[in-house]
Amino acid sequence: MPKASVKRLIECKKEDLINLVLDIEKYPNFVPFCLDSKIHDKKEKKDLLLIVADLTIGKGPLKDTYKSDVKFNKKTDSIYVTNLDGPLKYLENKWYFKEEKGFTEVSFDVDFELKNHFLNIIMTKSFQFGLDKIADAFQKRAEELFNKS
């Protein structure tokens, strides 16, 4: 159902940007529509960092919490997220990071479907706009944190 991609070139180190994305508990401070977050479990297993977390997303009277499985692969500098519980029928979210000359190119792909068919129709129409706002928020946060001249 709703599916979108965004790519950005951000002036910061790859490691800093990856850590920003993995700092899920800070999302409510800067990610649009993110009202709350909670990490339930975090462990390392060989080249993987495994996180189970809740995100509460909403706007106005509409809000819902979903649980996700987050896997950071240290060898490929990628993050793969799937849903475990909540309003999503499925979620597939992929982050890719590549550093070049003081900049990090980040690619973010999201594919998901809500259990509620009506909300899926609404989300499909505005999803790319929402994803762009979220990407803007990550870029702004990275620039604030890592580009202090």
N, C-alpha and C. Protein backbone atom coordinates (compact mmCIF):
# COMPACT_ATOMS: atom_id res chain seq x y z
N MET A 1 0.86 -1.19 0.00
CA MET A 1 0.00 0.00 0.00
C MET A 1 0.90 1.24 0.00
N PRO A 2 0.85 2.11 1.04
CA PRO A 2 1.73 3.27 0.98
C PRO A 2 3.19 2.84 0.90
N LYS A 3 3.89 3.42 -0.08
CA LYS A 3 5.28 3.07 -0.32
C LYS A 3 5.97 4.34 -0.79
N ALA A 4 7.14 4.63 -0.21
CA ALA A 4 7.86 5.84 -0.63
C ALA A 4 9.33 5.70 -0.30
N SER A 5 10.13 6.53 -0.97
CA SER A 5 11.57 6.55 -0.74
C SER A 5 12.03 7.99 -0.71
N VAL A 6 13.11 8.20 0.03
CA VAL A 6 13.71 9.52 0.07
C VAL A 6 15.22 9.32 0.19
N LYS A 7 15.97 10.23 -0.41
CA LYS A 7 17.43 10.17 -0.34
C LYS A 7 17.93 11.57 -0.02
N ARG A 8 18.88 11.65 0.90
CA ARG A 8 19.43 12.95 1.31
C ARG A 8 20.94 12.86 1.43
N LEU A 9 21.59 13.99 1.22
CA LEU A 9 23.02 14.13 1.44
C LEU A 9 23.15 15.07 2.63
N ILE A 10 23.68 14.56 3.73
CA ILE A 10 23.73 15.32 4.98
C ILE A 10 25.18 15.51 5.40
N GLU A 11 25.51 16.72 5.78
CA GLU A 11 26.88 17.04 6.18
C GLU A 11 27.15 16.56 7.60
N CYS A 12 27.57 15.31 7.71
CA CYS A 12 27.96 14.73 9.00
C CYS A 12 28.58 13.36 8.74
N LYS A 13 29.18 12.81 9.77
CA LYS A 13 29.79 11.49 9.65
C LYS A 13 28.70 10.42 9.63
N LYS A 14 28.97 9.37 8.89
CA LYS A 14 28.02 8.25 8.78
C LYS A 14 27.67 7.69 10.16
N GLU A 15 28.69 7.48 10.99
CA GLU A 15 28.48 6.92 12.32
C GLU A 15 27.54 7.79 13.16
N ASP A 16 27.70 9.13 13.07
CA ASP A 16 26.83 10.04 13.82
C ASP A 16 25.38 9.93 13.35
N LEU A 17 25.18 9.84 12.04
CA LEU A 17 23.83 9.76 11.50
C LEU A 17 23.17 8.42 11.87
N ILE A 18 23.93 7.35 11.82
CA ILE A 18 23.40 6.04 12.22
C ILE A 18 22.98 6.08 13.69
N ASN A 19 23.84 6.65 14.54
CA ASN A 19 23.50 6.75 15.97
C ASN A 19 22.27 7.60 16.20
N LEU A 20 22.10 8.64 15.40
CA LEU A 20 20.90 9.48 15.51
C LEU A 20 19.64 8.66 15.19
N VAL A 21 19.70 7.88 14.13
CA VAL A 21 18.55 7.06 13.74
C VAL A 21 18.27 5.98 14.79
N LEU A 22 19.31 5.43 15.38
CA LEU A 22 19.13 4.37 16.39
C LEU A 22 18.74 4.91 17.77
N ASP A 23 18.81 6.22 17.97
CA ASP A 23 18.43 6.83 19.25
C ASP A 23 16.92 7.05 19.28
N ILE A 24 16.19 5.98 19.20
CA ILE A 24 14.74 5.97 19.04
C ILE A 24 14.02 6.73 20.15
N GLU A 25 14.52 6.65 21.37
CA GLU A 25 13.85 7.31 22.49
C GLU A 25 13.83 8.84 22.36
N LYS A 26 14.66 9.40 21.49
CA LYS A 26 14.66 10.86 21.30
C LYS A 26 13.73 11.31 20.17
N TYR A 27 13.16 10.38 19.44
CA TYR A 27 12.29 10.74 18.30
C TYR A 27 11.21 11.76 18.65
N PRO A 28 10.52 11.62 19.79
CA PRO A 28 9.46 12.60 20.08
C PRO A 28 9.98 14.05 20.14
N ASN A 29 11.28 14.24 20.35
CA ASN A 29 11.85 15.59 20.41
C ASN A 29 11.96 16.27 19.05
N PHE A 30 11.96 15.48 17.96
CA PHE A 30 12.18 16.12 16.67
C PHE A 30 11.45 15.50 15.48
N VAL A 31 10.93 14.29 15.60
CA VAL A 31 10.28 13.64 14.46
C VAL A 31 8.79 14.03 14.42
N PRO A 32 8.36 14.60 13.30
CA PRO A 32 6.94 14.98 13.19
C PRO A 32 6.03 13.76 13.37
N PHE A 33 4.94 13.96 14.04
CA PHE A 33 3.91 12.95 14.27
C PHE A 33 4.31 11.88 15.28
N CYS A 34 5.55 11.92 15.81
CA CYS A 34 5.97 10.94 16.81
C CYS A 34 5.69 11.52 18.19
N LEU A 35 4.75 10.92 18.89
CA LEU A 35 4.31 11.43 20.18
C LEU A 35 5.04 10.79 21.35
N ASP A 36 5.48 9.53 21.18
CA ASP A 36 6.16 8.83 22.26
C ASP A 36 6.98 7.68 21.66
N SER A 37 7.97 7.25 22.42
CA SER A 37 8.78 6.10 22.00
C SER A 37 9.30 5.38 23.24
N LYS A 38 9.52 4.10 23.08
CA LYS A 38 10.01 3.30 24.20
C LYS A 38 10.79 2.11 23.65
N ILE A 39 11.99 1.89 24.21
CA ILE A 39 12.78 0.72 23.83
C ILE A 39 12.50 -0.37 24.86
N HIS A 40 12.08 -1.54 24.38
CA HIS A 40 11.80 -2.68 25.25
C HIS A 40 13.01 -3.58 25.43
N ASP A 41 13.80 -3.71 24.36
CA ASP A 41 14.94 -4.62 24.40
C ASP A 41 16.00 -4.12 23.43
N LYS A 42 17.26 -4.25 23.84
CA LYS A 42 18.37 -3.83 23.00
C LYS A 42 19.54 -4.76 23.30
N LYS A 43 20.02 -5.45 22.25
CA LYS A 43 21.14 -6.37 22.46
C LYS A 43 21.99 -6.48 21.20
N GLU A 44 23.23 -6.86 21.40
CA GLU A 44 24.14 -7.06 20.27
C GLU A 44 24.34 -8.54 20.04
N LYS A 45 24.38 -8.90 18.77
CA LYS A 45 24.56 -10.30 18.38
C LYS A 45 25.45 -10.31 17.15
N LYS A 46 26.73 -10.59 17.35
CA LYS A 46 27.74 -10.55 16.29
C LYS A 46 27.76 -9.17 15.65
N ASP A 47 27.46 -9.07 14.36
CA ASP A 47 27.50 -7.78 13.66
C ASP A 47 26.15 -7.06 13.64
N LEU A 48 25.24 -7.49 14.49
CA LEU A 48 23.90 -6.89 14.53
C LEU A 48 23.63 -6.22 15.86
N LEU A 49 22.93 -5.10 15.81
CA LEU A 49 22.34 -4.50 16.99
C LEU A 49 20.84 -4.72 16.83
N LEU A 50 20.23 -5.39 17.81
CA LEU A 50 18.81 -5.75 17.74
C LEU A 50 18.03 -4.94 18.77
N ILE A 51 16.99 -4.26 18.31
CA ILE A 51 16.18 -3.40 19.18
C ILE A 51 14.72 -3.74 18.95
N VAL A 52 13.96 -3.82 20.05
CA VAL A 52 12.50 -3.90 19.98
C VAL A 52 11.99 -2.62 20.62
N ALA A 53 11.18 -1.87 19.87
CA ALA A 53 10.75 -0.55 20.34
C ALA A 53 9.31 -0.27 19.95
N ASP A 54 8.68 0.60 20.73
CA ASP A 54 7.35 1.12 20.43
C ASP A 54 7.48 2.55 19.95
N LEU A 55 6.68 2.90 18.95
CA LEU A 55 6.52 4.29 18.54
C LEU A 55 5.04 4.61 18.58
N THR A 56 4.71 5.74 19.19
CA THR A 56 3.33 6.22 19.15
C THR A 56 3.31 7.37 18.15
N ILE A 57 2.52 7.17 17.11
CA ILE A 57 2.44 8.11 16.00
C ILE A 57 1.02 8.67 15.96
N GLY A 58 0.89 9.96 15.67
CA GLY A 58 -0.45 10.50 15.56
C GLY A 58 -0.47 11.97 15.25
N LYS A 59 -1.69 12.42 15.00
CA LYS A 59 -1.95 13.82 14.76
C LYS A 59 -3.40 14.07 15.11
N GLY A 60 -3.62 15.10 15.90
CA GLY A 60 -4.98 15.40 16.32
C GLY A 60 -5.55 14.24 17.13
N PRO A 61 -6.79 13.87 16.83
CA PRO A 61 -7.43 12.80 17.61
C PRO A 61 -6.95 11.39 17.22
N LEU A 62 -6.22 11.29 16.10
CA LEU A 62 -5.76 9.98 15.65
C LEU A 62 -4.36 9.70 16.17
N LYS A 63 -4.23 8.62 16.92
CA LYS A 63 -2.91 8.20 17.38
C LYS A 63 -2.93 6.71 17.64
N ASP A 64 -1.80 6.08 17.43
CA ASP A 64 -1.69 4.64 17.64
C ASP A 64 -0.24 4.28 17.92
N THR A 65 -0.05 3.18 18.60
CA THR A 65 1.29 2.71 18.94
C THR A 65 1.56 1.41 18.21
N TYR A 66 2.73 1.31 17.63
CA TYR A 66 3.12 0.05 17.02
C TYR A 66 4.48 -0.37 17.54
N LYS A 67 4.66 -1.66 17.63
CA LYS A 67 5.91 -2.25 18.10
C LYS A 67 6.70 -2.69 16.89
N SER A 68 8.00 -2.38 16.89
CA SER A 68 8.81 -2.75 15.75
C SER A 68 10.09 -3.46 16.15
N ASP A 69 10.59 -4.22 15.21
CA ASP A 69 11.83 -4.96 15.33
C ASP A 69 12.85 -4.21 14.48
N VAL A 70 13.91 -3.71 15.11
CA VAL A 70 14.92 -2.91 14.43
C VAL A 70 16.23 -3.68 14.42
N LYS A 71 16.80 -3.85 13.23
CA LYS A 71 18.08 -4.57 13.10
C LYS A 71 19.08 -3.66 12.40
N PHE A 72 20.15 -3.32 13.12
CA PHE A 72 21.24 -2.55 12.52
C PHE A 72 22.36 -3.51 12.18
N ASN A 73 22.70 -3.57 10.90
CA ASN A 73 23.78 -4.43 10.43
C ASN A 73 25.05 -3.58 10.30
N LYS A 74 26.00 -3.83 11.18
CA LYS A 74 27.23 -3.02 11.23
C LYS A 74 28.10 -3.23 10.00
N LYS A 75 28.03 -4.38 9.37
CA LYS A 75 28.85 -4.65 8.18
C LYS A 75 28.35 -3.90 6.95
N THR A 76 27.04 -3.78 6.81
CA THR A 76 26.48 -3.14 5.62
C THR A 76 26.01 -1.72 5.88
N ASP A 77 26.15 -1.24 7.13
CA ASP A 77 25.68 0.10 7.50
C ASP A 77 24.23 0.31 7.06
N SER A 78 23.40 -0.65 7.43
CA SER A 78 21.98 -0.57 7.07
C SER A 78 21.12 -0.90 8.29
N ILE A 79 19.93 -0.35 8.28
CA ILE A 79 18.95 -0.61 9.34
C ILE A 79 17.70 -1.14 8.66
N TYR A 80 17.17 -2.23 9.20
CA TYR A 80 15.98 -2.87 8.64
C TYR A 80 14.94 -2.96 9.76
N VAL A 81 13.75 -2.44 9.50
CA VAL A 81 12.69 -2.38 10.51
C VAL A 81 11.45 -3.10 10.00
N THR A 82 10.87 -3.96 10.85
CA THR A 82 9.60 -4.60 10.54
C THR A 82 8.69 -4.44 11.76
N ASN A 83 7.39 -4.57 11.54
CA ASN A 83 6.46 -4.42 12.67
C ASN A 83 6.24 -5.75 13.38
N LEU A 84 5.98 -5.65 14.67
CA LEU A 84 5.68 -6.81 15.49
C LEU A 84 4.22 -6.80 15.95
N ASP A 85 3.69 -5.59 16.18
CA ASP A 85 2.34 -5.47 16.73
C ASP A 85 1.82 -4.05 16.49
N GLY A 86 0.51 -3.90 16.53
CA GLY A 86 -0.08 -2.58 16.40
C GLY A 86 -0.99 -2.48 15.20
N PRO A 87 -1.20 -1.24 14.70
CA PRO A 87 -2.17 -1.00 13.63
C PRO A 87 -1.69 -1.38 12.24
N LEU A 88 -0.45 -1.83 12.13
CA LEU A 88 0.10 -2.14 10.82
C LEU A 88 -0.10 -3.61 10.47
N LYS A 89 -0.55 -3.82 9.25
CA LYS A 89 -0.63 -5.19 8.73
C LYS A 89 0.78 -5.68 8.45
N TYR A 90 1.61 -4.79 7.87
CA TYR A 90 3.03 -5.07 7.70
C TYR A 90 3.78 -3.75 7.59
N LEU A 91 5.07 -3.82 7.86
CA LEU A 91 5.96 -2.67 7.73
C LEU A 91 7.32 -3.19 7.28
N GLU A 92 7.87 -2.52 6.30
CA GLU A 92 9.23 -2.79 5.88
C GLU A 92 9.88 -1.43 5.66
N ASN A 93 10.89 -1.16 6.46
CA ASN A 93 11.52 0.15 6.48
C ASN A 93 13.03 -0.10 6.40
N LYS A 94 13.70 0.50 5.41
CA LYS A 94 15.13 0.25 5.21
C LYS A 94 15.89 1.58 5.16
N TRP A 95 16.98 1.63 5.90
CA TRP A 95 17.88 2.78 5.89
C TRP A 95 19.23 2.30 5.35
N TYR A 96 19.83 3.07 4.44
CA TYR A 96 21.17 2.79 3.94
C TYR A 96 22.02 4.05 4.10
N PHE A 97 23.25 3.88 4.53
CA PHE A 97 24.13 5.01 4.80
C PHE A 97 25.45 4.83 4.04
N LYS A 98 25.92 5.90 3.40
CA LYS A 98 27.18 5.84 2.67
C LYS A 98 27.90 7.19 2.86
N GLU A 99 29.12 7.14 3.41
CA GLU A 99 29.86 8.39 3.67
C GLU A 99 30.81 8.70 2.53
N GLU A 100 30.86 10.00 2.19
CA GLU A 100 31.75 10.45 1.13
C GLU A 100 32.14 11.90 1.37
N LYS A 101 33.44 12.14 1.59
CA LYS A 101 33.99 13.50 1.73
C LYS A 101 33.25 14.36 2.74
N GLY A 102 33.05 13.85 3.94
CA GLY A 102 32.42 14.65 5.00
C GLY A 102 30.90 14.69 4.93
N PHE A 103 30.33 14.05 3.95
CA PHE A 103 28.87 13.98 3.82
C PHE A 103 28.43 12.53 3.93
N THR A 104 27.20 12.34 4.37
CA THR A 104 26.63 11.00 4.39
C THR A 104 25.36 11.00 3.54
N GLU A 105 25.34 10.08 2.59
CA GLU A 105 24.13 9.89 1.80
C GLU A 105 23.28 8.87 2.53
N VAL A 106 22.06 9.26 2.83
CA VAL A 106 21.14 8.34 3.50
C VAL A 106 19.96 8.09 2.56
N SER A 107 19.63 6.82 2.40
CA SER A 107 18.45 6.41 1.63
C SER A 107 17.49 5.77 2.61
N PHE A 108 16.24 6.13 2.49
CA PHE A 108 15.21 5.66 3.41
C PHE A 108 14.02 5.19 2.59
N ASP A 109 13.72 3.89 2.67
CA ASP A 109 12.59 3.31 1.93
C ASP A 109 11.57 2.78 2.93
N VAL A 110 10.32 3.09 2.70
CA VAL A 110 9.26 2.61 3.58
C VAL A 110 8.15 1.99 2.75
N ASP A 111 7.70 0.83 3.18
CA ASP A 111 6.56 0.15 2.57
C ASP A 111 5.74 -0.40 3.73
N PHE A 112 4.47 -0.05 3.79
CA PHE A 112 3.64 -0.54 4.88
C PHE A 112 2.18 -0.60 4.47
N GLU A 113 1.43 -1.30 5.27
CA GLU A 113 -0.02 -1.34 5.09
C GLU A 113 -0.66 -1.34 6.46
N LEU A 114 -1.64 -0.47 6.62
CA LEU A 114 -2.41 -0.42 7.86
C LEU A 114 -3.50 -1.48 7.83
N LYS A 115 -3.91 -1.93 8.99
CA LYS A 115 -5.01 -2.90 9.06
C LYS A 115 -6.32 -2.24 8.63
N ASN A 116 -6.46 -0.93 8.85
CA ASN A 116 -7.66 -0.19 8.50
C ASN A 116 -7.58 0.26 7.02
N HIS A 117 -8.46 -0.30 6.18
CA HIS A 117 -8.44 -0.04 4.74
C HIS A 117 -8.69 1.44 4.43
N PHE A 118 -9.61 2.08 5.13
CA PHE A 118 -9.93 3.49 4.90
C PHE A 118 -8.71 4.38 5.18
N LEU A 119 -8.03 4.13 6.30
CA LEU A 119 -6.83 4.91 6.63
C LEU A 119 -5.72 4.67 5.61
N ASN A 120 -5.64 3.47 5.06
CA ASN A 120 -4.64 3.18 4.02
C ASN A 120 -4.84 4.10 2.81
N ILE A 121 -6.08 4.30 2.43
CA ILE A 121 -6.38 5.16 1.27
C ILE A 121 -5.93 6.59 1.56
N ILE A 122 -6.22 7.08 2.76
CA ILE A 122 -5.81 8.44 3.15
C ILE A 122 -4.28 8.54 3.18
N MET A 123 -3.62 7.56 3.80
CA MET A 123 -2.17 7.58 3.92
C MET A 123 -1.48 7.53 2.57
N THR A 124 -2.02 6.77 1.64
CA THR A 124 -1.41 6.64 0.32
C THR A 124 -1.31 8.00 -0.36
N LYS A 125 -2.33 8.83 -0.19
CA LYS A 125 -2.37 10.13 -0.85
C LYS A 125 -1.36 11.13 -0.26
N SER A 126 -1.06 11.02 1.03
CA SER A 126 -0.21 12.02 1.66
C SER A 126 1.12 11.47 2.18
N PHE A 127 1.41 10.22 1.88
CA PHE A 127 2.55 9.58 2.51
C PHE A 127 3.90 10.16 2.09
N GLN A 128 4.10 10.42 0.80
CA GLN A 128 5.39 10.98 0.36
C GLN A 128 5.64 12.32 1.04
N PHE A 129 4.60 13.14 1.17
CA PHE A 129 4.73 14.42 1.87
C PHE A 129 5.17 14.21 3.32
N GLY A 130 4.53 13.26 4.00
CA GLY A 130 4.88 12.97 5.39
C GLY A 130 6.31 12.45 5.52
N LEU A 131 6.70 11.58 4.60
CA LEU A 131 8.06 11.03 4.63
C LEU A 131 9.09 12.13 4.39
N ASP A 132 8.80 13.05 3.49
CA ASP A 132 9.70 14.18 3.25
C ASP A 132 9.85 15.03 4.52
N LYS A 133 8.75 15.25 5.23
CA LYS A 133 8.81 16.02 6.49
C LYS A 133 9.68 15.30 7.52
N ILE A 134 9.56 13.99 7.59
CA ILE A 134 10.36 13.21 8.53
C ILE A 134 11.84 13.28 8.14
N ALA A 135 12.13 13.14 6.85
CA ALA A 135 13.52 13.25 6.37
C ALA A 135 14.08 14.63 6.67
N ASP A 136 13.27 15.67 6.47
CA ASP A 136 13.70 17.04 6.80
C ASP A 136 14.06 17.14 8.28
N ALA A 137 13.26 16.50 9.13
CA ALA A 137 13.49 16.56 10.58
C ALA A 137 14.81 15.88 10.96
N PHE A 138 15.09 14.73 10.36
CA PHE A 138 16.36 14.04 10.63
C PHE A 138 17.54 14.88 10.14
N GLN A 139 17.40 15.47 8.95
CA GLN A 139 18.48 16.28 8.41
C GLN A 139 18.73 17.50 9.29
N LYS A 140 17.68 18.19 9.69
CA LYS A 140 17.81 19.37 10.55
C LYS A 140 18.45 18.99 11.88
N ARG A 141 18.01 17.87 12.48
CA ARG A 141 18.55 17.42 13.77
C ARG A 141 20.04 17.08 13.64
N ALA A 142 20.42 16.40 12.56
CA ALA A 142 21.83 16.06 12.33
C ALA A 142 22.66 17.32 12.19
N GLU A 143 22.16 18.29 11.43
CA GLU A 143 22.90 19.54 11.24
C GLU A 143 23.04 20.30 12.55
N GLU A 144 22.00 20.30 13.38
CA GLU A 144 22.07 20.98 14.69
C GLU A 144 23.08 20.30 15.61
N LEU A 145 23.11 18.98 15.61
CA LEU A 145 23.96 18.24 16.53
C LEU A 145 25.41 18.14 16.09
N PHE A 146 25.63 18.01 14.78
CA PHE A 146 26.96 17.65 14.31
C PHE A 146 27.69 18.73 13.51
N ASN A 147 27.05 19.85 13.25
CA ASN A 147 27.70 20.91 12.47
C ASN A 147 27.82 22.20 13.27
N LYS A 148 28.32 22.08 14.46
CA LYS A 148 28.49 23.26 15.31
C LYS A 148 29.81 23.93 14.94
N SER A 149 29.70 25.04 14.26
CA SER A 149 30.91 25.75 13.81
C SER A 149 31.46 26.65 14.89
